[in-house]
Amino acid sequence: MSNKFDDQVQRNLMGKQLEKEDNVLEAMSLYEANISEAFEGSFPYRRLAILYRKRKLLSEEVRVLEKAITVFNSLISSGRTDIKPKLNEFQERLNKVNYKISKFK
């Protein structure tokens, strides 16, 4: 019997493989499934932010980064030492994309 986390890790691995095979949309759908379940690792958020940026879908990039920030904020008290650096990374990325969006307006 598999658990949710194992399923999510498998989706990340499959998404990574699909990207290598140039099947990016299918990979993105696997990453989206993981972030919809509030995956507690940075991989799918990072990959989606990059892939949406490459497609110039800035509002989607913002959505993903905001979700990552929400998830990692909820983990601050978990005692995991990787949370604050990831939170800072996603906040910096969000600040950059918001700045980019504001320049277009």
PDB file of N, CA and C in Angstrom:
ATOM      1  N   MET A   1       0.847  -1.191   0.000  1.00  0.00           N
ATOM      2  CA  MET A   1       0.000   0.000   0.000  1.00  0.00           C
ATOM      3  C   MET A   1       0.890   1.251   0.000  1.00  0.00           C
ATOM      4  N   SER A   2       0.622   2.167  -0.894  1.00  0.00           N
ATOM      5  CA  SER A   2       1.451   3.373  -0.973  1.00  0.00           C
ATOM      6  C   SER A   2       0.808   4.494  -0.172  1.00  0.00           C
ATOM      7  N   ASN A   3       1.626   5.453   0.205  1.00  0.00           N
ATOM      8  CA  ASN A   3       1.067   6.604   0.905  1.00  0.00           C
ATOM      9  C   ASN A   3       1.162   7.832   0.010  1.00  0.00           C
ATOM     10  N   LYS A   4       0.510   8.890   0.445  1.00  0.00           N
ATOM     11  CA  LYS A   4       0.429  10.117  -0.350  1.00  0.00           C
ATOM     12  C   LYS A   4       1.808  10.674  -0.701  1.00  0.00           C
ATOM     13  N   PHE A   5       2.712  10.733   0.276  1.00  0.00           N
ATOM     14  CA  PHE A   5       4.039  11.288   0.022  1.00  0.00           C
ATOM     15  C   PHE A   5       4.778  10.469  -1.040  1.00  0.00           C
ATOM     16  N   ASP A   6       4.722   9.149  -0.926  1.00  0.00           N
ATOM     17  CA  ASP A   6       5.377   8.284  -1.925  1.00  0.00           C
ATOM     18  C   ASP A   6       4.799   8.534  -3.315  1.00  0.00           C
ATOM     19  N   ASP A   7       3.473   8.682  -3.386  1.00  0.00           N
ATOM     20  CA  ASP A   7       2.828   8.974  -4.677  1.00  0.00           C
ATOM     21  C   ASP A   7       3.328  10.299  -5.245  1.00  0.00           C
ATOM     22  N   GLN A   8       3.464  11.287  -4.372  1.00  0.00           N
ATOM     23  CA  GLN A   8       3.932  12.604  -4.812  1.00  0.00           C
ATOM     24  C   GLN A   8       5.377  12.536  -5.302  1.00  0.00           C
ATOM     25  N   VAL A   9       6.215  11.807  -4.589  1.00  0.00           N
ATOM     26  CA  VAL A   9       7.616  11.664  -5.007  1.00  0.00           C
ATOM     27  C   VAL A   9       7.666  10.967  -6.370  1.00  0.00           C
ATOM     28  N   GLN A  10       6.848   9.953  -6.554  1.00  0.00           N
ATOM     29  CA  GLN A  10       6.807   9.255  -7.843  1.00  0.00           C
ATOM     30  C   GLN A  10       6.374  10.208  -8.967  1.00  0.00           C
ATOM     31  N   ARG A  11       5.398  11.081  -8.672  1.00  0.00           N
ATOM     32  CA  ARG A  11       4.970  12.071  -9.676  1.00  0.00           C
ATOM     33  C   ARG A  11       6.123  12.998 -10.040  1.00  0.00           C
ATOM     34  N   ASN A  12       6.886  13.438  -9.029  1.00  0.00           N
ATOM     35  CA  ASN A  12       8.034  14.306  -9.307  1.00  0.00           C
ATOM     36  C   ASN A  12       9.039  13.597 -10.192  1.00  0.00           C
ATOM     37  N   LEU A  13       9.343  12.344  -9.873  1.00  0.00           N
ATOM     38  CA  LEU A  13      10.320  11.574 -10.663  1.00  0.00           C
ATOM     39  C   LEU A  13       9.817  11.351 -12.083  1.00  0.00           C
ATOM     40  N   MET A  14       8.537  11.044 -12.211  1.00  0.00           N
ATOM     41  CA  MET A  14       7.957  10.841 -13.539  1.00  0.00           C
ATOM     42  C   MET A  14       7.963  12.163 -14.315  1.00  0.00           C
ATOM     43  N   GLY A  15       7.645  13.265 -13.636  1.00  0.00           N
ATOM     44  CA  GLY A  15       7.665  14.575 -14.277  1.00  0.00           C
ATOM     45  C   GLY A  15       9.054  14.925 -14.780  1.00  0.00           C
ATOM     46  N   LYS A  16      10.053  14.638 -13.984  1.00  0.00           N
ATOM     47  CA  LYS A  16      11.448  14.896 -14.365  1.00  0.00           C
ATOM     48  C   LYS A  16      11.792  14.096 -15.627  1.00  0.00           C
ATOM     49  N   GLN A  17      11.371  12.831 -15.655  1.00  0.00           N
ATOM     50  CA  GLN A  17      11.622  11.981 -16.821  1.00  0.00           C
ATOM     51  C   GLN A  17      10.870  12.507 -18.048  1.00  0.00           C
ATOM     52  N   LEU A  18       9.627  12.908 -17.860  1.00  0.00           N
ATOM     53  CA  LEU A  18       8.832  13.447 -18.970  1.00  0.00           C
ATOM     54  C   LEU A  18       9.472  14.717 -19.530  1.00  0.00           C
ATOM     55  N   GLU A  19      10.019  15.547 -18.664  1.00  0.00           N
ATOM     56  CA  GLU A  19      10.717  16.747 -19.143  1.00  0.00           C
ATOM     57  C   GLU A  19      11.901  16.357 -20.016  1.00  0.00           C
ATOM     58  N   LYS A  20      12.658  15.355 -19.589  1.00  0.00           N
ATOM     59  CA  LYS A  20      13.806  14.891 -20.382  1.00  0.00           C
ATOM     60  C   LYS A  20      13.360  14.387 -21.749  1.00  0.00           C
ATOM     61  N   GLU A  21      12.149  13.822 -21.798  1.00  0.00           N
ATOM     62  CA  GLU A  21      11.598  13.300 -23.056  1.00  0.00           C
ATOM     63  C   GLU A  21      10.859  14.389 -23.836  1.00  0.00           C
ATOM     64  N   ASP A  22      10.958  15.625 -23.381  1.00  0.00           N
ATOM     65  CA  ASP A  22      10.322  16.782 -24.015  1.00  0.00           C
ATOM     66  C   ASP A  22       8.794  16.706 -23.987  1.00  0.00           C
ATOM     67  N   ASN A  23       8.274  16.072 -22.975  1.00  0.00           N
ATOM     68  CA  ASN A  23       6.826  16.003 -22.784  1.00  0.00           C
ATOM     69  C   ASN A  23       6.480  16.891 -21.589  1.00  0.00           C
ATOM     70  N   VAL A  24       6.730  18.176 -21.777  1.00  0.00           N
ATOM     71  CA  VAL A  24       6.679  19.138 -20.680  1.00  0.00           C
ATOM     72  C   VAL A  24       5.265  19.342 -20.146  1.00  0.00           C
ATOM     73  N   LEU A  25       4.273  19.364 -21.010  1.00  0.00           N
ATOM     74  CA  LEU A  25       2.905  19.599 -20.530  1.00  0.00           C
ATOM     75  C   LEU A  25       2.435  18.488 -19.605  1.00  0.00           C
ATOM     76  N   GLU A  26       2.775  17.264 -19.929  1.00  0.00           N
ATOM     77  CA  GLU A  26       2.405  16.148 -19.061  1.00  0.00           C
ATOM     78  C   GLU A  26       3.155  16.251 -17.723  1.00  0.00           C
ATOM     79  N   ALA A  27       4.422  16.634 -17.790  1.00  0.00           N
ATOM     80  CA  ALA A  27       5.205  16.823 -16.565  1.00  0.00           C
ATOM     81  C   ALA A  27       4.565  17.912 -15.699  1.00  0.00           C
ATOM     82  N   MET A  28       4.167  18.994 -16.329  1.00  0.00           N
ATOM     83  CA  MET A  28       3.553  20.098 -15.592  1.00  0.00           C
ATOM     84  C   MET A  28       2.275  19.638 -14.899  1.00  0.00           C
ATOM     85  N   SER A  29       1.520  18.777 -15.548  1.00  0.00           N
ATOM     86  CA  SER A  29       0.277  18.306 -14.941  1.00  0.00           C
ATOM     87  C   SER A  29       0.566  17.459 -13.699  1.00  0.00           C
ATOM     88  N   LEU A  30       1.644  16.694 -13.709  1.00  0.00           N
ATOM     89  CA  LEU A  30       2.034  15.929 -12.518  1.00  0.00           C
ATOM     90  C   LEU A  30       2.483  16.863 -11.397  1.00  0.00           C
ATOM     91  N   TYR A  31       3.259  17.889 -11.739  1.00  0.00           N
ATOM     92  CA  TYR A  31       3.703  18.862 -10.738  1.00  0.00           C
ATOM     93  C   TYR A  31       2.504  19.617 -10.156  1.00  0.00           C
ATOM     94  N   GLU A  32       1.552  19.957 -11.017  1.00  0.00           N
ATOM     95  CA  GLU A  32       0.342  20.655 -10.556  1.00  0.00           C
ATOM     96  C   GLU A  32      -0.436  19.789  -9.560  1.00  0.00           C
ATOM     97  N   ALA A  33      -0.488  18.485  -9.829  1.00  0.00           N
ATOM     98  CA  ALA A  33      -1.172  17.582  -8.898  1.00  0.00           C
ATOM     99  C   ALA A  33      -0.497  17.632  -7.534  1.00  0.00           C
ATOM    100  N   ASN A  34       0.832  17.648  -7.530  1.00  0.00           N
ATOM    101  CA  ASN A  34       1.552  17.694  -6.261  1.00  0.00           C
ATOM    102  C   ASN A  34       1.328  19.002  -5.512  1.00  0.00           C
ATOM    103  N   ILE A  35       1.352  20.116  -6.211  1.00  0.00           N
ATOM    104  CA  ILE A  35       1.171  21.374  -5.473  1.00  0.00           C
ATOM    105  C   ILE A  35      -0.280  21.525  -5.021  1.00  0.00           C
ATOM    106  N   SER A  36      -1.229  20.916  -5.742  1.00  0.00           N
ATOM    107  CA  SER A  36      -2.625  20.978  -5.298  1.00  0.00           C
ATOM    108  C   SER A  36      -2.810  20.199  -3.996  1.00  0.00           C
ATOM    109  N   GLU A  37      -1.895  19.257  -3.730  1.00  0.00           N
ATOM    110  CA  GLU A  37      -1.919  18.483  -2.489  1.00  0.00           C
ATOM    111  C   GLU A  37      -0.940  19.050  -1.461  1.00  0.00           C
ATOM    112  N   ALA A  38      -0.430  20.248  -1.707  1.00  0.00           N
ATOM    113  CA  ALA A  38       0.485  20.946  -0.785  1.00  0.00           C
ATOM    114  C   ALA A  38       1.734  20.118  -0.480  1.00  0.00           C
ATOM    115  N   PHE A  39       2.363  19.600  -1.525  1.00  0.00           N
ATOM    116  CA  PHE A  39       3.598  18.828  -1.371  1.00  0.00           C
ATOM    117  C   PHE A  39       4.594  19.630  -0.544  1.00  0.00           C
ATOM    118  N   GLU A  40       5.283  18.954   0.383  1.00  0.00           N
ATOM    119  CA  GLU A  40       6.156  19.641   1.333  1.00  0.00           C
ATOM    120  C   GLU A  40       7.622  19.675   0.908  1.00  0.00           C
ATOM    121  N   GLY A  41       7.882  19.580  -0.376  1.00  0.00           N
ATOM    122  CA  GLY A  41       9.224  19.734  -0.922  1.00  0.00           C
ATOM    123  C   GLY A  41       9.192  20.803  -1.995  1.00  0.00           C
ATOM    124  N   SER A  42      10.333  21.349  -2.325  1.00  0.00           N
ATOM    125  CA  SER A  42      10.379  22.506  -3.225  1.00  0.00           C
ATOM    126  C   SER A  42      10.340  22.141  -4.715  1.00  0.00           C
ATOM    127  N   PHE A  43      10.640  20.899  -5.057  1.00  0.00           N
ATOM    128  CA  PHE A  43      10.840  20.527  -6.461  1.00  0.00           C
ATOM    129  C   PHE A  43       9.687  20.922  -7.405  1.00  0.00           C
ATOM    130  N   PRO A  44       8.441  20.503  -7.145  1.00  0.00           N
ATOM    131  CA  PRO A  44       7.408  20.825  -8.138  1.00  0.00           C
ATOM    132  C   PRO A  44       7.123  22.319  -8.252  1.00  0.00           C
ATOM    133  N   TYR A  45       7.254  23.046  -7.152  1.00  0.00           N
ATOM    134  CA  TYR A  45       7.029  24.495  -7.186  1.00  0.00           C
ATOM    135  C   TYR A  45       8.113  25.174  -8.031  1.00  0.00           C
ATOM    136  N   ARG A  46       9.352  24.767  -7.796  1.00  0.00           N
ATOM    137  CA  ARG A  46      10.483  25.342  -8.526  1.00  0.00           C
ATOM    138  C   ARG A  46      10.355  25.050 -10.019  1.00  0.00           C
ATOM    139  N   ARG A  47      10.069  23.785 -10.352  1.00  0.00           N
ATOM    140  CA  ARG A  47       9.972  23.414 -11.775  1.00  0.00           C
ATOM    141  C   ARG A  47       8.819  24.155 -12.453  1.00  0.00           C
ATOM    142  N   LEU A  48       7.660  24.205 -11.817  1.00  0.00           N
ATOM    143  CA  LEU A  48       6.518  24.902 -12.420  1.00  0.00           C
ATOM    144  C   LEU A  48       6.813  26.390 -12.600  1.00  0.00           C
ATOM    145  N   ALA A  49       7.422  27.015 -11.607  1.00  0.00           N
ATOM    146  CA  ALA A  49       7.751  28.446 -11.719  1.00  0.00           C
ATOM    147  C   ALA A  49       8.654  28.671 -12.925  1.00  0.00           C
ATOM    148  N   ILE A  50       9.641  27.818 -13.097  1.00  0.00           N
ATOM    149  CA  ILE A  50      10.561  27.939 -14.232  1.00  0.00           C
ATOM    150  C   ILE A  50       9.832  27.702 -15.552  1.00  0.00           C
ATOM    151  N   LEU A  51       9.020  26.666 -15.593  1.00  0.00           N
ATOM    152  CA  LEU A  51       8.324  26.325 -16.847  1.00  0.00           C
ATOM    153  C   LEU A  51       7.307  27.394 -17.231  1.00  0.00           C
ATOM    154  N   TYR A  52       6.599  27.940 -16.237  1.00  0.00           N
ATOM    155  CA  TYR A  52       5.668  29.031 -16.554  1.00  0.00           C
ATOM    156  C   TYR A  52       6.426  30.283 -16.985  1.00  0.00           C
ATOM    157  N   ARG A  53       7.573  30.557 -16.398  1.00  0.00           N
ATOM    158  CA  ARG A  53       8.377  31.714 -16.783  1.00  0.00           C
ATOM    159  C   ARG A  53       8.809  31.582 -18.231  1.00  0.00           C
ATOM    160  N   LYS A  54       9.268  30.384 -18.605  1.00  0.00           N
ATOM    161  CA  LYS A  54       9.703  30.155 -19.993  1.00  0.00           C
ATOM    162  C   LYS A  54       8.569  30.382 -20.978  1.00  0.00           C
ATOM    163  N   ARG A  55       7.345  30.123 -20.545  1.00  0.00           N
ATOM    164  CA  ARG A  55       6.175  30.306 -21.417  1.00  0.00           C
ATOM    165  C   ARG A  55       5.583  31.708 -21.296  1.00  0.00           C
ATOM    166  N   LYS A  56       6.233  32.546 -20.485  1.00  0.00           N
ATOM    167  CA  LYS A  56       5.777  33.924 -20.248  1.00  0.00           C
ATOM    168  C   LYS A  56       4.365  33.971 -19.643  1.00  0.00           C
ATOM    169  N   LEU A  57       4.052  32.957 -18.837  1.00  0.00           N
ATOM    170  CA  LEU A  57       2.769  32.901 -18.131  1.00  0.00           C
ATOM    171  C   LEU A  57       3.004  33.364 -16.696  1.00  0.00           C
ATOM    172  N   LEU A  58       3.214  34.670 -16.564  1.00  0.00           N
ATOM    173  CA  LEU A  58       3.633  35.233 -15.285  1.00  0.00           C
ATOM    174  C   LEU A  58       2.582  35.078 -14.193  1.00  0.00           C
ATOM    175  N   SER A  59       1.299  35.169 -14.537  1.00  0.00           N
ATOM    176  CA  SER A  59       0.262  35.017 -13.503  1.00  0.00           C
ATOM    177  C   SER A  59       0.262  33.594 -12.952  1.00  0.00           C
ATOM    178  N   GLU A  60       0.568  32.616 -13.795  1.00  0.00           N
ATOM    179  CA  GLU A  60       0.666  31.232 -13.327  1.00  0.00           C
ATOM    180  C   GLU A  60       1.908  31.056 -12.449  1.00  0.00           C
ATOM    181  N   GLU A  61       2.986  31.708 -12.824  1.00  0.00           N
ATOM    182  CA  GLU A  61       4.196  31.660 -12.013  1.00  0.00           C
ATOM    183  C   GLU A  61       3.917  32.245 -10.624  1.00  0.00           C
ATOM    184  N   VAL A  62       3.216  33.370 -10.579  1.00  0.00           N
ATOM    185  CA  VAL A  62       2.854  34.000  -9.309  1.00  0.00           C
ATOM    186  C   VAL A  62       2.001  33.045  -8.479  1.00  0.00           C
ATOM    187  N   ARG A  63       1.016  32.416  -9.099  1.00  0.00           N
ATOM    188  CA  ARG A  63       0.132  31.485  -8.385  1.00  0.00           C
ATOM    189  C   ARG A  63       0.941  30.362  -7.723  1.00  0.00           C
ATOM    190  N   VAL A  64       1.866  29.779  -8.479  1.00  0.00           N
ATOM    191  CA  VAL A  64       2.693  28.681  -7.968  1.00  0.00           C
ATOM    192  C   VAL A  64       3.584  29.157  -6.820  1.00  0.00           C
ATOM    193  N   LEU A  65       4.208  30.305  -6.990  1.00  0.00           N
ATOM    194  CA  LEU A  65       5.092  30.835  -5.950  1.00  0.00           C
ATOM    195  C   LEU A  65       4.318  31.182  -4.678  1.00  0.00           C
ATOM    196  N   GLU A  66       3.130  31.738  -4.836  1.00  0.00           N
ATOM    197  CA  GLU A  66       2.304  32.060  -3.669  1.00  0.00           C
ATOM    198  C   GLU A  66       1.890  30.790  -2.934  1.00  0.00           C
ATOM    199  N   LYS A  67       1.569  29.743  -3.697  1.00  0.00           N
ATOM    200  CA  LYS A  67       1.225  28.457  -3.083  1.00  0.00           C
ATOM    201  C   LYS A  67       2.430  27.904  -2.314  1.00  0.00           C
ATOM    202  N   ALA A  68       3.619  27.979  -2.912  1.00  0.00           N
ATOM    203  CA  ALA A  68       4.835  27.500  -2.245  1.00  0.00           C
ATOM    204  C   ALA A  68       5.055  28.259  -0.933  1.00  0.00           C
ATOM    205  N   ILE A  69       4.880  29.553  -0.975  1.00  0.00           N
ATOM    206  CA  ILE A  69       5.078  30.379   0.221  1.00  0.00           C
ATOM    207  C   ILE A  69       4.080  29.990   1.310  1.00  0.00           C
ATOM    208  N   THR A  70       2.840  29.752   0.924  1.00  0.00           N
ATOM    209  CA  THR A  70       1.817  29.323   1.884  1.00  0.00           C
ATOM    210  C   THR A  70       2.195  27.990   2.527  1.00  0.00           C
ATOM    211  N   VAL A  71       2.597  27.034   1.693  1.00  0.00           N
ATOM    212  CA  VAL A  71       2.963  25.703   2.190  1.00  0.00           C
ATOM    213  C   VAL A  71       4.167  25.785   3.119  1.00  0.00           C
ATOM    214  N   PHE A  72       5.213  26.485   2.698  1.00  0.00           N
ATOM    215  CA  PHE A  72       6.428  26.543   3.515  1.00  0.00           C
ATOM    216  C   PHE A  72       6.240  27.392   4.770  1.00  0.00           C
ATOM    217  N   ASN A  73       5.379  28.415   4.710  1.00  0.00           N
ATOM    218  CA  ASN A  73       5.047  29.170   5.928  1.00  0.00           C
ATOM    219  C   ASN A  73       4.400  28.261   6.962  1.00  0.00           C
ATOM    220  N   SER A  74       3.556  27.341   6.495  1.00  0.00           N
ATOM    221  CA  SER A  74       2.863  26.437   7.415  1.00  0.00           C
ATOM    222  C   SER A  74       3.829  25.423   8.051  1.00  0.00           C
ATOM    223  N   LEU A  75       5.021  25.299   7.483  1.00  0.00           N
ATOM    224  CA  LEU A  75       5.999  24.329   7.981  1.00  0.00           C
ATOM    225  C   LEU A  75       7.084  24.952   8.865  1.00  0.00           C
ATOM    226  N   ILE A  76       7.020  26.265   9.063  1.00  0.00           N
ATOM    227  CA  ILE A  76       8.053  26.981   9.836  1.00  0.00           C
ATOM    228  C   ILE A  76       8.280  26.332  11.203  1.00  0.00           C
ATOM    229  N   SER A  77       7.202  25.967  11.879  1.00  0.00           N
ATOM    230  CA  SER A  77       7.333  25.427  13.237  1.00  0.00           C
ATOM    231  C   SER A  77       7.644  23.929  13.267  1.00  0.00           C
ATOM    232  N   SER A  78       7.860  23.336  12.100  1.00  0.00           N
ATOM    233  CA  SER A  78       8.100  21.888  12.024  1.00  0.00           C
ATOM    234  C   SER A  78       9.485  21.486  12.517  1.00  0.00           C
ATOM    235  N   GLY A  79      10.378  22.465  12.614  1.00  0.00           N
ATOM    236  CA  GLY A  79      11.733  22.150  13.036  1.00  0.00           C
ATOM    237  C   GLY A  79      12.657  21.775  11.877  1.00  0.00           C
ATOM    238  N   ARG A  80      12.112  21.683  10.675  1.00  0.00           N
ATOM    239  CA  ARG A  80      12.946  21.370   9.511  1.00  0.00           C
ATOM    240  C   ARG A  80      13.842  22.570   9.202  1.00  0.00           C
ATOM    241  N   THR A  81      15.138  22.299   9.046  1.00  0.00           N
ATOM    242  CA  THR A  81      16.094  23.387   8.829  1.00  0.00           C
ATOM    243  C   THR A  81      16.098  23.894   7.389  1.00  0.00           C
ATOM    244  N   ASP A  82      15.459  23.173   6.466  1.00  0.00           N
ATOM    245  CA  ASP A  82      15.438  23.588   5.063  1.00  0.00           C
ATOM    246  C   ASP A  82      14.287  24.544   4.745  1.00  0.00           C
ATOM    247  N   ILE A  83      13.410  24.785   5.690  1.00  0.00           N
ATOM    248  CA  ILE A  83      12.188  25.557   5.402  1.00  0.00           C
ATOM    249  C   ILE A  83      12.484  27.038   5.149  1.00  0.00           C
ATOM    250  N   LYS A  84      13.207  27.691   6.038  1.00  0.00           N
ATOM    251  CA  LYS A  84      13.447  29.137   5.877  1.00  0.00           C
ATOM    252  C   LYS A  84      14.197  29.469   4.587  1.00  0.00           C
ATOM    253  N   PRO A  85      15.262  28.723   4.231  1.00  0.00           N
ATOM    254  CA  PRO A  85      15.931  29.033   2.962  1.00  0.00           C
ATOM    255  C   PRO A  85      14.995  28.875   1.752  1.00  0.00           C
ATOM    256  N   LYS A  86      14.153  27.856   1.772  1.00  0.00           N
ATOM    257  CA  LYS A  86      13.214  27.660   0.658  1.00  0.00           C
ATOM    258  C   LYS A  86      12.180  28.770   0.630  1.00  0.00           C
ATOM    259  N   LEU A  87      11.701  29.133   1.791  1.00  0.00           N
ATOM    260  CA  LEU A  87      10.734  30.225   1.892  1.00  0.00           C
ATOM    261  C   LEU A  87      11.342  31.513   1.340  1.00  0.00           C
ATOM    262  N   ASN A  88      12.586  31.793   1.708  1.00  0.00           N
ATOM    263  CA  ASN A  88      13.271  32.986   1.204  1.00  0.00           C
ATOM    264  C   ASN A  88      13.438  32.924  -0.312  1.00  0.00           C
ATOM    265  N   GLU A  89      13.811  31.753  -0.823  1.00  0.00           N
ATOM    266  CA  GLU A  89      13.985  31.588  -2.273  1.00  0.00           C
ATOM    267  C   GLU A  89      12.688  31.904  -3.013  1.00  0.00           C
ATOM    268  N   PHE A  90      11.572  31.327  -2.542  1.00  0.00           N
ATOM    269  CA  PHE A  90      10.297  31.546  -3.231  1.00  0.00           C
ATOM    270  C   PHE A  90       9.824  32.983  -3.084  1.00  0.00           C
ATOM    271  N   GLN A  91      10.082  33.610  -1.936  1.00  0.00           N
ATOM    272  CA  GLN A  91       9.704  35.012  -1.744  1.00  0.00           C
ATOM    273  C   GLN A  91      10.497  35.920  -2.686  1.00  0.00           C
ATOM    274  N   GLU A  92      11.796  35.655  -2.819  1.00  0.00           N
ATOM    275  CA  GLU A  92      12.624  36.446  -3.739  1.00  0.00           C
ATOM    276  C   GLU A  92      12.147  36.280  -5.186  1.00  0.00           C
ATOM    277  N   ARG A  93      11.837  35.059  -5.568  1.00  0.00           N
ATOM    278  CA  ARG A  93      11.337  34.822  -6.929  1.00  0.00           C
ATOM    279  C   ARG A  93      10.027  35.565  -7.154  1.00  0.00           C
ATOM    280  N   LEU A  94       9.155  35.520  -6.153  1.00  0.00           N
ATOM    281  CA  LEU A  94       7.864  36.202  -6.266  1.00  0.00           C
ATOM    282  C   LEU A  94       8.074  37.709  -6.383  1.00  0.00           C
ATOM    283  N   ASN A  95       8.980  38.266  -5.588  1.00  0.00           N
ATOM    284  CA  ASN A  95       9.272  39.703  -5.673  1.00  0.00           C
ATOM    285  C   ASN A  95       9.755  40.071  -7.078  1.00  0.00           C
ATOM    286  N   LYS A  96      10.623  39.225  -7.648  1.00  0.00           N
ATOM    287  CA  LYS A  96      11.144  39.498  -8.992  1.00  0.00           C
ATOM    288  C   LYS A  96      10.050  39.463 -10.047  1.00  0.00           C
ATOM    289  N   VAL A  97       9.178  38.451  -9.990  1.00  0.00           N
ATOM    290  CA  VAL A  97       8.133  38.354 -11.003  1.00  0.00           C
ATOM    291  C   VAL A  97       7.112  39.475 -10.823  1.00  0.00           C
ATOM    292  N   ASN A  98       6.812  39.830  -9.586  1.00  0.00           N
ATOM    293  CA  ASN A  98       5.885  40.952  -9.361  1.00  0.00           C
ATOM    294  C   ASN A  98       6.474  42.263  -9.877  1.00  0.00           C
ATOM    295  N   TYR A  99       7.778  42.428  -9.714  1.00  0.00           N
ATOM    296  CA  TYR A  99       8.438  43.606 -10.245  1.00  0.00           C
ATOM    297  C   TYR A  99       8.345  43.620 -11.779  1.00  0.00           C
ATOM    298  N   LYS A 100       8.574  42.481 -12.367  1.00  0.00           N
ATOM    299  CA  LYS A 100       8.499  42.354 -13.830  1.00  0.00           C
ATOM    300  C   LYS A 100       7.083  42.692 -14.321  1.00  0.00           C
ATOM    301  N   ILE A 101       6.089  42.172 -13.610  1.00  0.00           N
ATOM    302  CA  ILE A 101       4.691  42.441 -13.982  1.00  0.00           C
ATOM    303  C   ILE A 101       4.394  43.938 -13.852  1.00  0.00           C
ATOM    304  N   SER A 102       4.878  44.560 -12.787  1.00  0.00           N
ATOM    305  CA  SER A 102       4.598  45.990 -12.568  1.00  0.00           C
ATOM    306  C   SER A 102       5.220  46.860 -13.648  1.00  0.00           C
ATOM    307  N   LYS A 103       6.320  46.415 -14.221  1.00  0.00           N
ATOM    308  CA  LYS A 103       6.956  47.184 -15.306  1.00  0.00           C
ATOM    309  C   LYS A 103       6.125  47.149 -16.588  1.00  0.00           C
ATOM    310  N   PHE A 104       5.329  46.095 -16.757  1.00  0.00           N
ATOM    311  CA  PHE A 104       4.498  45.976 -17.967  1.00  0.00           C
ATOM    312  C   PHE A 104       3.235  46.814 -17.886  1.00  0.00           C
ATOM    313  N   LYS A 105       2.841  47.185 -16.670  1.00  0.00           N
ATOM    314  CA  LYS A 105       1.572  47.920 -16.507  1.00  0.00           C
ATOM    315  C   LYS A 105       1.717  49.385 -16.821  1.00  0.00           C
TER     316      LYS A 105
END
